[in-house]
Amino acid sequence: MFRIVTPDDFKTTAWKNGGGVTHEILRDEGEPWRWRISIAEVSTDGPFSAFEGQTRILTVIEGQGLDLHAPGGVLRARPFRPLTFSGDAPVDSHMVNGPVRNLNLIYDPRYVKASVEVIDGPATIESGSGQTGVLCMDGRVTLAEDALPCGAFGLGQGGCIDVGQKGRCVVVRLA
């Protein structure tokens, strides 16, 4: 069974630095939370918020990408290529040719194993035993026979995820 969350249900918060907004899709119910899934709209260059003890997986879903300047060098976040990095790292973000939107998974690796992948159709995948989240980017995507509207996110477990011929989705796995 999958819970479907549409963009109208996302919780939007403007950044304190004025450089964008975050649309929180879902988060773990615990306090403190163990994972959070959101979409960020980045409209200016600037620092990322730190998430101490957390791991981040950032996937650019619109725009040309971001260059993330971190202590170990530049991390290149490019369209539909999930990028994993420490939430502890001080990161300064620079847009590549304009604004971007990205899907962010932030999680506590002490409690959660997580991964993100982009699936282009046609494809059928099993959701598996843990929680599986799906962001529909384009085309037809169904979750256990329920259509997932473009821009909506489904989270659940059990059943198949079908991606149509011209479909594209971002799949988040949480165990």
C-alpha atoms as a PDB file:
ATOM      1  CA  MET A   1       0.000   0.000   0.000  1.00  0.00           C
ATOM      2  CA  PHE A   2       1.321   3.420  -0.988  1.00  0.00           C
ATOM      3  CA  ARG A   3       0.482   6.826   0.421  1.00  0.00           C
ATOM      4  CA  ILE A   4       0.378   9.423  -2.377  1.00  0.00           C
ATOM      5  CA  VAL A   5       1.335  13.024  -1.603  1.00  0.00           C
ATOM      6  CA  THR A   6       0.645  15.668  -4.251  1.00  0.00           C
ATOM      7  CA  PRO A   7       2.496  18.998  -4.568  1.00  0.00           C
ATOM      8  CA  ASP A   8      -0.536  20.713  -2.982  1.00  0.00           C
ATOM      9  CA  ASP A   9       0.194  18.690   0.181  1.00  0.00           C
ATOM     10  CA  PHE A  10       3.914  19.583   0.384  1.00  0.00           C
ATOM     11  CA  LYS A  11       4.867  21.897   3.280  1.00  0.00           C
ATOM     12  CA  THR A  12       6.713  24.903   1.848  1.00  0.00           C
ATOM     13  CA  THR A  13       9.244  26.923   3.841  1.00  0.00           C
ATOM     14  CA  ALA A  14      11.335  29.866   2.620  1.00  0.00           C
ATOM     15  CA  TRP A  15      15.036  29.691   3.455  1.00  0.00           C
ATOM     16  CA  LYS A  16      16.351  32.086   6.070  1.00  0.00           C
ATOM     17  CA  ASN A  17      19.044  33.294   3.629  1.00  0.00           C
ATOM     18  CA  GLY A  18      16.435  34.069   0.930  1.00  0.00           C
ATOM     19  CA  GLY A  19      18.145  31.794  -1.612  1.00  0.00           C
ATOM     20  CA  GLY A  20      15.238  29.445  -2.194  1.00  0.00           C
ATOM     21  CA  VAL A  21      12.458  27.364  -0.687  1.00  0.00           C
ATOM     22  CA  THR A  22      12.058  23.812   0.559  1.00  0.00           C
ATOM     23  CA  HIS A  23       8.936  21.763  -0.130  1.00  0.00           C
ATOM     24  CA  GLU A  24       8.895  19.058   2.529  1.00  0.00           C
ATOM     25  CA  ILE A  25       7.199  15.961   1.155  1.00  0.00           C
ATOM     26  CA  LEU A  26       7.458  13.520   4.064  1.00  0.00           C
ATOM     27  CA  ARG A  27       9.552  12.876   7.141  1.00  0.00           C
ATOM     28  CA  ASP A  28       9.920  10.153   9.730  1.00  0.00           C
ATOM     29  CA  GLU A  29       7.389  10.493  12.539  1.00  0.00           C
ATOM     30  CA  GLY A  30      10.004  10.213  15.313  1.00  0.00           C
ATOM     31  CA  GLU A  31      11.619  12.999  17.344  1.00  0.00           C
ATOM     32  CA  PRO A  32      14.215  13.690  16.234  1.00  0.00           C
ATOM     33  CA  TRP A  33      13.300  12.521  12.747  1.00  0.00           C
ATOM     34  CA  ARG A  34      15.473   9.837  11.122  1.00  0.00           C
ATOM     35  CA  TRP A  35      14.789  10.806   7.505  1.00  0.00           C
ATOM     36  CA  ARG A  36      13.248  13.614   5.492  1.00  0.00           C
ATOM     37  CA  ILE A  37      12.342  13.820   1.809  1.00  0.00           C
ATOM     38  CA  SER A  38      11.944  17.242   0.212  1.00  0.00           C
ATOM     39  CA  ILE A  39      12.272  19.231  -2.981  1.00  0.00           C
ATOM     40  CA  ALA A  40      14.413  22.365  -2.875  1.00  0.00           C
ATOM     41  CA  GLU A  41      14.136  25.260  -5.301  1.00  0.00           C
ATOM     42  CA  VAL A  42      17.559  26.899  -5.476  1.00  0.00           C
ATOM     43  CA  SER A  43      17.483  30.414  -6.928  1.00  0.00           C
ATOM     44  CA  THR A  44      20.825  31.857  -5.746  1.00  0.00           C
ATOM     45  CA  ASP A  45      24.327  30.681  -4.929  1.00  0.00           C
ATOM     46  CA  GLY A  46      25.112  30.225  -1.249  1.00  0.00           C
ATOM     47  CA  PRO A  47      25.748  27.950   1.711  1.00  0.00           C
ATOM     48  CA  PHE A  48      23.795  24.777   2.426  1.00  0.00           C
ATOM     49  CA  SER A  49      22.266  24.233   5.844  1.00  0.00           C
ATOM     50  CA  ALA A  50      24.221  21.776   7.969  1.00  0.00           C
ATOM     51  CA  PHE A  51      22.541  18.574   9.149  1.00  0.00           C
ATOM     52  CA  GLU A  52      24.865  17.265  11.837  1.00  0.00           C
ATOM     53  CA  GLY A  53      25.233  13.476  11.879  1.00  0.00           C
ATOM     54  CA  GLN A  54      23.077  13.099   8.765  1.00  0.00           C
ATOM     55  CA  THR A  55      23.810  11.907   5.234  1.00  0.00           C
ATOM     56  CA  ARG A  56      22.371  13.676   2.205  1.00  0.00           C
ATOM     57  CA  ILE A  57      21.472  12.349  -1.220  1.00  0.00           C
ATOM     58  CA  LEU A  58      20.731  15.192  -3.631  1.00  0.00           C
ATOM     59  CA  THR A  59      19.247  14.568  -7.086  1.00  0.00           C
ATOM     60  CA  VAL A  60      18.848  17.503  -9.488  1.00  0.00           C
ATOM     61  CA  ILE A  61      15.414  17.143 -11.131  1.00  0.00           C
ATOM     62  CA  GLU A  62      15.260  20.459 -13.041  1.00  0.00           C
ATOM     63  CA  GLY A  63      17.991  22.762 -14.289  1.00  0.00           C
ATOM     64  CA  GLN A  64      21.615  22.210 -15.266  1.00  0.00           C
ATOM     65  CA  GLY A  65      22.970  21.375 -11.823  1.00  0.00           C
ATOM     66  CA  LEU A  66      24.989  22.615  -8.886  1.00  0.00           C
ATOM     67  CA  ASP A  67      28.682  22.734  -8.057  1.00  0.00           C
ATOM     68  CA  LEU A  68      28.985  22.074  -4.328  1.00  0.00           C
ATOM     69  CA  HIS A  69      32.215  23.449  -2.889  1.00  0.00           C
ATOM     70  CA  ALA A  70      33.121  21.261   0.112  1.00  0.00           C
ATOM     71  CA  PRO A  71      36.316  20.764   2.150  1.00  0.00           C
ATOM     72  CA  GLY A  72      37.341  17.773   0.003  1.00  0.00           C
ATOM     73  CA  GLY A  73      36.807  19.564  -3.313  1.00  0.00           C
ATOM     74  CA  VAL A  74      33.966  20.297  -5.699  1.00  0.00           C
ATOM     75  CA  LEU A  75      31.030  17.875  -5.838  1.00  0.00           C
ATOM     76  CA  ARG A  76      29.181  18.077  -9.139  1.00  0.00           C
ATOM     77  CA  ALA A  77      25.426  17.583  -8.824  1.00  0.00           C
ATOM     78  CA  ARG A  78      24.066  17.017 -12.310  1.00  0.00           C
ATOM     79  CA  PRO A  79      20.558  16.223 -13.598  1.00  0.00           C
ATOM     80  CA  PHE A  80      19.227  12.832 -12.550  1.00  0.00           C
ATOM     81  CA  ARG A  81      22.531  11.643 -11.030  1.00  0.00           C
ATOM     82  CA  PRO A  82      22.055  11.124  -7.276  1.00  0.00           C
ATOM     83  CA  LEU A  83      24.936  12.583  -5.253  1.00  0.00           C
ATOM     84  CA  THR A  84      25.667  11.421  -1.690  1.00  0.00           C
ATOM     85  CA  PHE A  85      27.574  13.579   0.805  1.00  0.00           C
ATOM     86  CA  SER A  86      27.830  14.281   4.526  1.00  0.00           C
ATOM     87  CA  GLY A  87      25.306  16.631   6.093  1.00  0.00           C
ATOM     88  CA  ASP A  88      28.104  17.720   8.447  1.00  0.00           C
ATOM     89  CA  ALA A  89      30.233  19.161   5.628  1.00  0.00           C
ATOM     90  CA  PRO A  90      30.172  22.924   5.140  1.00  0.00           C
ATOM     91  CA  VAL A  91      28.978  23.213   1.534  1.00  0.00           C
ATOM     92  CA  ASP A  92      28.770  26.334  -0.607  1.00  0.00           C
ATOM     93  CA  SER A  93      26.521  25.859  -3.635  1.00  0.00           C
ATOM     94  CA  HIS A  94      26.982  27.447  -7.061  1.00  0.00           C
ATOM     95  CA  MET A  95      24.294  27.065  -9.735  1.00  0.00           C
ATOM     96  CA  VAL A  96      25.286  25.859 -13.204  1.00  0.00           C
ATOM     97  CA  ASN A  97      23.519  28.146 -15.712  1.00  0.00           C
ATOM     98  CA  GLY A  98      20.599  29.180 -13.520  1.00  0.00           C
ATOM     99  CA  PRO A  99      18.115  27.956 -10.923  1.00  0.00           C
ATOM    100  CA  VAL A 100      17.556  24.283 -10.129  1.00  0.00           C
ATOM    101  CA  ARG A 101      15.123  22.041  -8.316  1.00  0.00           C
ATOM    102  CA  ASN A 102      16.422  19.015  -6.492  1.00  0.00           C
ATOM    103  CA  LEU A 103      15.033  16.092  -4.582  1.00  0.00           C
ATOM    104  CA  ASN A 104      16.743  15.765  -1.202  1.00  0.00           C
ATOM    105  CA  LEU A 105      16.865  12.750   1.030  1.00  0.00           C
ATOM    106  CA  ILE A 106      18.439  13.521   4.403  1.00  0.00           C
ATOM    107  CA  TYR A 107      18.780  10.602   6.793  1.00  0.00           C
ATOM    108  CA  ASP A 108      20.528   9.371   9.920  1.00  0.00           C
ATOM    109  CA  PRO A 109      22.821   6.500   8.828  1.00  0.00           C
ATOM    110  CA  ARG A 110      22.882   5.097  12.378  1.00  0.00           C
ATOM    111  CA  TYR A 111      19.246   4.049  11.962  1.00  0.00           C
ATOM    112  CA  VAL A 112      18.463   4.044   8.243  1.00  0.00           C
ATOM    113  CA  LYS A 113      19.987   2.511   5.136  1.00  0.00           C
ATOM    114  CA  ALA A 114      18.983   4.559   2.118  1.00  0.00           C
ATOM    115  CA  SER A 115      19.507   4.821  -1.614  1.00  0.00           C
ATOM    116  CA  VAL A 116      18.201   6.880  -4.517  1.00  0.00           C
ATOM    117  CA  GLU A 117      18.056   5.886  -8.179  1.00  0.00           C
ATOM    118  CA  VAL A 118      16.500   7.273 -11.340  1.00  0.00           C
ATOM    119  CA  ILE A 119      14.399   4.848 -13.389  1.00  0.00           C
ATOM    120  CA  ASP A 120      13.580   5.441 -17.058  1.00  0.00           C
ATOM    121  CA  GLY A 121      10.813   3.331 -18.581  1.00  0.00           C
ATOM    122  CA  PRO A 122       9.779   0.936 -19.581  1.00  0.00           C
ATOM    123  CA  ALA A 123      10.566  -0.827 -16.322  1.00  0.00           C
ATOM    124  CA  THR A 124       8.933  -2.838 -13.572  1.00  0.00           C
ATOM    125  CA  ILE A 125      10.552  -2.982 -10.149  1.00  0.00           C
ATOM    126  CA  GLU A 126       9.574  -4.555  -6.840  1.00  0.00           C
ATOM    127  CA  SER A 127       9.161  -2.125  -3.983  1.00  0.00           C
ATOM    128  CA  GLY A 128      10.837  -4.542  -1.571  1.00  0.00           C
ATOM    129  CA  SER A 129      10.437  -5.035   2.152  1.00  0.00           C
ATOM    130  CA  GLY A 130      11.474  -1.563   3.366  1.00  0.00           C
ATOM    131  CA  GLN A 131       9.789   1.736   2.577  1.00  0.00           C
ATOM    132  CA  THR A 132       9.992   2.762  -1.075  1.00  0.00           C
ATOM    133  CA  GLY A 133       9.301   6.291  -2.255  1.00  0.00           C
ATOM    134  CA  VAL A 134       8.663   7.310  -5.855  1.00  0.00           C
ATOM    135  CA  LEU A 135       8.647  10.803  -7.370  1.00  0.00           C
ATOM    136  CA  CYS A 136       6.961  10.789 -10.796  1.00  0.00           C
ATOM    137  CA  MET A 137       8.895  13.069 -13.151  1.00  0.00           C
ATOM    138  CA  ASP A 138       7.345  12.222 -16.514  1.00  0.00           C
ATOM    139  CA  GLY A 139       4.970   9.823 -18.230  1.00  0.00           C
ATOM    140  CA  ARG A 140       3.023   6.983 -16.690  1.00  0.00           C
ATOM    141  CA  VAL A 141       4.091   5.588 -13.313  1.00  0.00           C
ATOM    142  CA  THR A 142       1.879   3.232 -11.317  1.00  0.00           C
ATOM    143  CA  LEU A 143       2.330   2.058  -7.732  1.00  0.00           C
ATOM    144  CA  ALA A 144       0.605  -1.258  -7.016  1.00  0.00           C
ATOM    145  CA  GLU A 145      -1.915  -0.385  -9.777  1.00  0.00           C
ATOM    146  CA  ASP A 146      -2.547   3.216  -8.597  1.00  0.00           C
ATOM    147  CA  ALA A 147      -1.514   5.938 -11.064  1.00  0.00           C
ATOM    148  CA  LEU A 148       1.012   8.410  -9.643  1.00  0.00           C
ATOM    149  CA  PRO A 149       0.414  11.926 -11.051  1.00  0.00           C
ATOM    150  CA  CYS A 150       3.395  13.785 -12.471  1.00  0.00           C
ATOM    151  CA  GLY A 151       5.065  15.759  -9.648  1.00  0.00           C
ATOM    152  CA  ALA A 152       3.484  13.602  -6.927  1.00  0.00           C
ATOM    153  CA  PHE A 153       5.323  11.330  -4.497  1.00  0.00           C
ATOM    154  CA  GLY A 154       4.239   7.907  -3.285  1.00  0.00           C
ATOM    155  CA  LEU A 155       5.636   6.084  -0.242  1.00  0.00           C
ATOM    156  CA  GLY A 156       4.877   2.542   0.819  1.00  0.00           C
ATOM    157  CA  GLN A 157       5.915  -1.059   0.623  1.00  0.00           C
ATOM    158  CA  GLY A 158       4.906  -4.188  -1.209  1.00  0.00           C
ATOM    159  CA  GLY A 159       3.787  -4.438  -4.802  1.00  0.00           C
ATOM    160  CA  CYS A 160       5.243  -3.463  -8.142  1.00  0.00           C
ATOM    161  CA  ILE A 161       6.212  -0.092  -9.509  1.00  0.00           C
ATOM    162  CA  ASP A 162       5.537   0.134 -13.249  1.00  0.00           C
ATOM    163  CA  VAL A 163       7.200   2.867 -15.290  1.00  0.00           C
ATOM    164  CA  GLY A 164       5.684   3.367 -18.742  1.00  0.00           C
ATOM    165  CA  GLN A 165       7.484   3.588 -22.075  1.00  0.00           C
ATOM    166  CA  LYS A 166       8.266   7.317 -21.703  1.00  0.00           C
ATOM    167  CA  GLY A 167       8.068   7.424 -17.922  1.00  0.00           C
ATOM    168  CA  ARG A 168      10.747   8.642 -15.561  1.00  0.00           C
ATOM    169  CA  CYS A 169      10.800   8.543 -11.778  1.00  0.00           C
ATOM    170  CA  VAL A 170      13.168   8.940  -8.862  1.00  0.00           C
ATOM    171  CA  VAL A 171      13.053   5.992  -6.450  1.00  0.00           C
ATOM    172  CA  VAL A 172      14.009   6.386  -2.785  1.00  0.00           C
ATOM    173  CA  ARG A 173      14.599   3.257  -0.686  1.00  0.00           C
ATOM    174  CA  LEU A 174      14.576   3.338   3.120  1.00  0.00           C
ATOM    175  CA  ALA A 175      15.390   0.288   5.256  1.00  0.00           C
END
